[in-house]
C-alpha atoms as a PDB file:
ATOM      1  CA  MET A   1    -177.048  25.824 -53.650  1.00  0.00           C
ATOM      2  CA  VAL A   2    -176.518  22.904 -55.965  1.00  0.00           C
ATOM      3  CA  GLU A   3    -176.694  19.398 -54.510  1.00  0.00           C
ATOM      4  CA  PHE A   4    -173.734  17.349 -55.705  1.00  0.00           C
ATOM      5  CA  ILE A   5    -173.943  13.622 -55.592  1.00  0.00           C
ATOM      6  CA  THR A   6    -170.847  11.451 -55.562  1.00  0.00           C
ATOM      7  CA  VAL A   7    -171.234   8.235 -57.624  1.00  0.00           C
ATOM      8  CA  LYS A   8    -168.988   5.214 -57.548  1.00  0.00           C
ATOM      9  CA  ILE A   9    -169.380   2.596 -60.278  1.00  0.00           C
ATOM     10  CA  THR A  10    -167.855  -0.888 -60.195  1.00  0.00           C
ATOM     11  CA  ALA A  11    -168.191  -2.826 -63.477  1.00  0.00           C
ATOM     12  CA  SER A  12    -166.346  -4.609 -66.218  1.00  0.00           C
ATOM     13  CA  MET A  13    -163.765  -2.593 -68.152  1.00  0.00           C
ATOM     14  CA  ASP A  14    -166.030  -2.896 -71.224  1.00  0.00           C
ATOM     15  CA  ILE A  15    -168.748  -1.005 -69.390  1.00  0.00           C
ATOM     16  CA  ILE A  16    -166.326   1.639 -67.978  1.00  0.00           C
ATOM     17  CA  GLU A  17    -164.912   2.259 -71.448  1.00  0.00           C
ATOM     18  CA  ALA A  18    -168.409   2.515 -72.986  1.00  0.00           C
ATOM     19  CA  LEU A  19    -169.145   5.233 -70.411  1.00  0.00           C
ATOM     20  CA  SER A  20    -165.844   7.044 -70.908  1.00  0.00           C
ATOM     21  CA  ASN A  21    -164.781   9.755 -73.467  1.00  0.00           C
ATOM     22  CA  ALA A  22    -161.452   9.956 -75.248  1.00  0.00           C
ATOM     23  CA  ALA A  23    -159.838  11.679 -72.134  1.00  0.00           C
ATOM     24  CA  GLY A  24    -161.050   8.820 -69.869  1.00  0.00           C
ATOM     25  CA  GLY A  25    -163.747  10.843 -68.112  1.00  0.00           C
ATOM     26  CA  VAL A  26    -167.260   9.738 -67.568  1.00  0.00           C
ATOM     27  CA  ASP A  27    -169.458  11.172 -70.331  1.00  0.00           C
ATOM     28  CA  PHE A  28    -173.208  10.415 -70.388  1.00  0.00           C
ATOM     29  CA  ASN A  29    -173.246  11.411 -74.085  1.00  0.00           C
ATOM     30  CA  ARG A  30    -171.488   8.193 -74.770  1.00  0.00           C
ATOM     31  CA  VAL A  31    -174.678   6.433 -73.674  1.00  0.00           C
ATOM     32  CA  ILE A  32    -177.542   8.771 -74.459  1.00  0.00           C
ATOM     33  CA  LYS A  33    -177.255  12.119 -76.387  1.00  0.00           C
ATOM     34  CA  PRO A  34    -179.933  14.592 -75.264  1.00  0.00           C
ATOM     35  CA  GLN A  35    -182.229  15.845 -77.954  1.00  0.00           C
ATOM     36  CA  LYS A  36    -181.415  19.526 -78.548  1.00  0.00           C
ATOM     37  CA  GLN A  37    -184.642  21.453 -78.108  1.00  0.00           C
ATOM     38  CA  ALA A  38    -183.177  24.968 -77.653  1.00  0.00           C
ATOM     39  CA  VAL A  39    -180.027  26.893 -77.329  1.00  0.00           C
ATOM     40  CA  ALA A  40    -180.562  28.545 -73.935  1.00  0.00           C
ATOM     41  CA  GLU A  41    -178.537  26.953 -71.138  1.00  0.00           C
ATOM     42  CA  SER A  42    -181.614  26.466 -68.943  1.00  0.00           C
ATOM     43  CA  ASN A  43    -183.288  24.525 -71.828  1.00  0.00           C
ATOM     44  CA  GLN A  44    -180.124  22.452 -72.429  1.00  0.00           C
ATOM     45  CA  GLN A  45    -180.324  21.508 -68.722  1.00  0.00           C
ATOM     46  CA  ILE A  46    -183.945  20.423 -69.271  1.00  0.00           C
ATOM     47  CA  ASP A  47    -182.857  18.340 -72.296  1.00  0.00           C
ATOM     48  CA  ALA A  48    -180.178  16.647 -70.114  1.00  0.00           C
ATOM     49  CA  LEU A  49    -182.666  16.075 -67.351  1.00  0.00           C
ATOM     50  CA  VAL A  50    -185.023  14.325 -69.743  1.00  0.00           C
ATOM     51  CA  ALA A  51    -182.331  12.214 -71.375  1.00  0.00           C
ATOM     52  CA  TRP A  52    -180.176  11.357 -68.432  1.00  0.00           C
ATOM     53  CA  GLY A  53    -182.197  11.941 -65.213  1.00  0.00           C
ATOM     54  CA  THR A  54    -179.805  14.643 -63.981  1.00  0.00           C
ATOM     55  CA  ARG A  55    -179.310  18.204 -65.273  1.00  0.00           C
ATOM     56  CA  LYS A  56    -175.646  18.161 -66.300  1.00  0.00           C
ATOM     57  CA  ASN A  57    -172.986  15.678 -67.436  1.00  0.00           C
ATOM     58  CA  ALA A  58    -170.621  13.986 -64.976  1.00  0.00           C
ATOM     59  CA  THR A  59    -167.797  16.108 -63.507  1.00  0.00           C
ATOM     60  CA  ARG A  60    -164.620  15.295 -61.541  1.00  0.00           C
ATOM     61  CA  SER A  61    -164.241  11.742 -62.986  1.00  0.00           C
ATOM     62  CA  LYS A  62    -161.560   9.667 -61.340  1.00  0.00           C
ATOM     63  CA  ARG A  63    -160.464   6.159 -62.053  1.00  0.00           C
ATOM     64  CA  LEU A  64    -160.078   4.351 -58.698  1.00  0.00           C
ATOM     65  CA  GLY A  65    -158.753   1.112 -60.124  1.00  0.00           C
ATOM     66  CA  ALA A  66    -159.578  -1.510 -62.772  1.00  0.00           C
ATOM     67  CA  GLY A  67    -163.260  -1.353 -63.296  1.00  0.00           C
ATOM     68  CA  VAL A  68    -163.912   1.345 -60.705  1.00  0.00           C
ATOM     69  CA  VAL A  69    -164.698   4.924 -61.451  1.00  0.00           C
ATOM     70  CA  ALA A  70    -166.074   7.796 -59.343  1.00  0.00           C
ATOM     71  CA  PHE A  71    -167.640  11.028 -60.426  1.00  0.00           C
ATOM     72  CA  LYS A  72    -169.984  13.829 -59.272  1.00  0.00           C
ATOM     73  CA  VAL A  73    -173.363  14.838 -60.699  1.00  0.00           C
ATOM     74  CA  GLU A  74    -175.859  17.561 -59.919  1.00  0.00           C
ATOM     75  CA  TRP A  75    -179.237  16.982 -58.307  1.00  0.00           C
ATOM     76  CA  SER A  76    -179.944  13.360 -58.944  1.00  0.00           C
ATOM     77  CA  PHE A  77    -178.433   9.983 -59.907  1.00  0.00           C
ATOM     78  CA  PRO A  78    -178.598   9.448 -63.678  1.00  0.00           C
ATOM     79  CA  LEU A  79    -180.580   6.196 -63.602  1.00  0.00           C
ATOM     80  CA  LYS A  80    -181.627   6.415 -67.295  1.00  0.00           C
ATOM     81  CA  VAL A  81    -177.936   6.354 -68.310  1.00  0.00           C
ATOM     82  CA  PHE A  82    -177.154   3.204 -66.340  1.00  0.00           C
ATOM     83  CA  ALA A  83    -180.364   1.398 -67.143  1.00  0.00           C
ATOM     84  CA  LEU A  84    -179.575   1.767 -70.933  1.00  0.00           C
ATOM     85  CA  LEU A  85    -175.890   0.887 -70.371  1.00  0.00           C
ATOM     86  CA  SER A  86    -176.882  -2.256 -68.433  1.00  0.00           C
ATOM     87  CA  SER A  87    -179.129  -3.340 -71.340  1.00  0.00           C
ATOM     88  CA  ARG A  88    -176.083  -3.003 -73.736  1.00  0.00           C
ATOM     89  CA  PHE A  89    -174.159  -5.408 -71.560  1.00  0.00           C
ATOM     90  CA  PRO A  90    -176.931  -7.706 -70.279  1.00  0.00           C
ATOM     91  CA  GLU A  91    -174.610 -10.399 -68.845  1.00  0.00           C
ATOM     92  CA  ASN A  92    -172.580  -7.898 -66.802  1.00  0.00           C
ATOM     93  CA  GLU A  93    -173.376  -6.366 -63.383  1.00  0.00           C
ATOM     94  CA  ILE A  94    -172.971  -2.611 -62.674  1.00  0.00           C
ATOM     95  CA  LYS A  95    -172.516  -1.890 -58.940  1.00  0.00           C
ATOM     96  CA  ILE A  96    -173.622   1.559 -58.085  1.00  0.00           C
ATOM     97  CA  GLU A  97    -173.069   3.479 -54.879  1.00  0.00           C
ATOM     98  CA  TYR A  98    -174.012   7.086 -54.443  1.00  0.00           C
ATOM     99  CA  ALA A  99    -174.269   9.762 -51.736  1.00  0.00           C
ATOM    100  CA  GLY A 100    -175.141  13.433 -51.638  1.00  0.00           C
ATOM    101  CA  VAL A 101    -173.043  16.094 -49.919  1.00  0.00           C
ATOM    102  CA  ASP A 102    -175.636  16.180 -47.176  1.00  0.00           C
ATOM    103  CA  LEU A 103    -174.111  12.859 -45.989  1.00  0.00           C
ATOM    104  CA  GLY A 104    -177.272  10.930 -45.417  1.00  0.00           C
ATOM    105  CA  PHE A 105    -180.386  11.912 -47.373  1.00  0.00           C
ATOM    106  CA  SER A 106    -179.432  10.940 -50.968  1.00  0.00           C
ATOM    107  CA  VAL A 107    -177.729   7.534 -50.252  1.00  0.00           C
ATOM    108  CA  ALA A 108    -178.114   4.230 -52.042  1.00  0.00           C
ATOM    109  CA  SER A 109    -176.251   1.139 -53.220  1.00  0.00           C
ATOM    110  CA  PHE A 110    -177.569  -1.212 -55.801  1.00  0.00           C
ATOM    111  CA  THR A 111    -176.551  -3.557 -58.553  1.00  0.00           C
ATOM    112  CA  LEU A 112    -178.006  -3.463 -62.119  1.00  0.00           C
ATOM    113  CA  LYS A 113    -178.004  -6.350 -64.523  1.00  0.00           C
ATOM    114  CA  ASN A 114    -179.876  -6.113 -67.792  1.00  0.00           C
ATOM    115  CA  ARG A 115    -181.989  -3.227 -66.523  1.00  0.00           C
ATOM    116  CA  THR A 116    -182.964  -5.104 -63.403  1.00  0.00           C
ATOM    117  CA  ILE A 117    -181.908  -4.257 -59.811  1.00  0.00           C
ATOM    118  CA  THR A 118    -180.463  -7.523 -58.483  1.00  0.00           C
ATOM    119  CA  GLU A 119    -179.238  -6.159 -55.081  1.00  0.00           C
ATOM    120  CA  GLU A 120    -180.207  -3.041 -53.298  1.00  0.00           C
ATOM    121  CA  ARG A 121    -179.700  -1.020 -50.182  1.00  0.00           C
ATOM    122  CA  PHE A 122    -181.679   2.089 -49.970  1.00  0.00           C
ATOM    123  CA  PHE A 123    -181.078   3.854 -46.618  1.00  0.00           C
ATOM    124  CA  ASP A 124    -184.476   5.418 -46.004  1.00  0.00           C
ATOM    125  CA  SER A 125    -185.292   3.357 -42.947  1.00  0.00           C
ATOM    126  CA  GLU A 126    -181.790   3.355 -41.406  1.00  0.00           C
ATOM    127  CA  SER A 127    -180.503   5.738 -38.774  1.00  0.00           C
ATOM    128  CA  LEU A 128    -178.736   8.975 -39.824  1.00  0.00           C
ATOM    129  CA  PRO A 129    -175.405   7.805 -38.398  1.00  0.00           C
ATOM    130  CA  SER A 130    -175.675   4.557 -40.415  1.00  0.00           C
ATOM    131  CA  ARG A 131    -176.413   6.560 -43.610  1.00  0.00           C
ATOM    132  CA  ARG A 132    -173.516   8.926 -42.889  1.00  0.00           C
ATOM    133  CA  ALA A 133    -171.157   5.911 -42.244  1.00  0.00           C
ATOM    134  CA  PHE A 134    -171.891   4.713 -45.704  1.00  0.00           C
ATOM    135  CA  ALA A 135    -171.857   8.142 -47.426  1.00  0.00           C
ATOM    136  CA  PHE A 136    -168.857   9.710 -45.770  1.00  0.00           C
ATOM    137  CA  PRO A 137    -166.096   7.642 -47.436  1.00  0.00           C
ATOM    138  CA  LEU A 138    -167.759   8.172 -50.848  1.00  0.00           C
ATOM    139  CA  VAL A 139    -168.029  11.948 -50.525  1.00  0.00           C
ATOM    140  CA  HIS A 140    -164.875  12.518 -48.556  1.00  0.00           C
ATOM    141  CA  PRO A 141    -162.352   9.762 -49.276  1.00  0.00           C
ATOM    142  CA  ASN A 142    -159.159   9.809 -47.180  1.00  0.00           C
ATOM    143  CA  LYS A 143    -160.721  12.194 -44.646  1.00  0.00           C
ATOM    144  CA  SER A 144    -161.858  11.702 -41.104  1.00  0.00           C
ATOM    145  CA  PRO A 145    -165.252  12.622 -39.613  1.00  0.00           C
ATOM    146  CA  LEU A 146    -163.282  14.628 -37.077  1.00  0.00           C
ATOM    147  CA  ASP A 147    -162.230  16.983 -39.958  1.00  0.00           C
ATOM    148  CA  PHE A 148    -165.870  17.885 -40.317  1.00  0.00           C
ATOM    149  CA  GLY A 149    -166.818  18.224 -36.651  1.00  0.00           C
ATOM    150  CA  MET A 150    -168.231  14.743 -36.235  1.00  0.00           C
ATOM    151  CA  ASN A 151    -167.252  11.919 -33.867  1.00  0.00           C
ATOM    152  CA  GLU A 152    -166.530   8.348 -34.893  1.00  0.00           C
ATOM    153  CA  ASN A 153    -170.249   7.591 -34.967  1.00  0.00           C
ATOM    154  CA  PHE A 154    -170.805  10.348 -37.558  1.00  0.00           C
ATOM    155  CA  GLU A 155    -172.665  12.518 -35.083  1.00  0.00           C
ATOM    156  CA  TYR A 156    -171.904  16.236 -35.004  1.00  0.00           C
ATOM    157  CA  ILE A 157    -169.929  17.316 -31.875  1.00  0.00           C
ATOM    158  CA  ASP A 158    -171.427  20.319 -30.092  1.00  0.00           C
END
């Protein structure tokens, strides 16, 4: 099963536009174009992984407001894309929040400025309910933990 990660970016409109295609969706090709090594789909995914740090382009992009966009990626956060993007806008901050569908094991929040992490919160040492409390609204906006069999502390109900 594919692990989808929900990503939320808060940045200047210049950065959001630099990341967006003509239809307004997040498109990593606008920042880095993978080198085409082969035609087979599996090799294209390897090319994407090498270029972006994730195996496929963003999907399900949604503008959440001025300077805020959310999207999904497969497997891993595309750090290479955002490191390069932050170097193109060295004076601007890019706030990044992401969480996997597992609600607690692929969770982070950090801010990039000119390829440097200026603020960070990696949840490795935090309790699972704490990680889920951060991840849940990213992955399931406008839903309740009760809809997924969890209590208000993000613990599964027996």
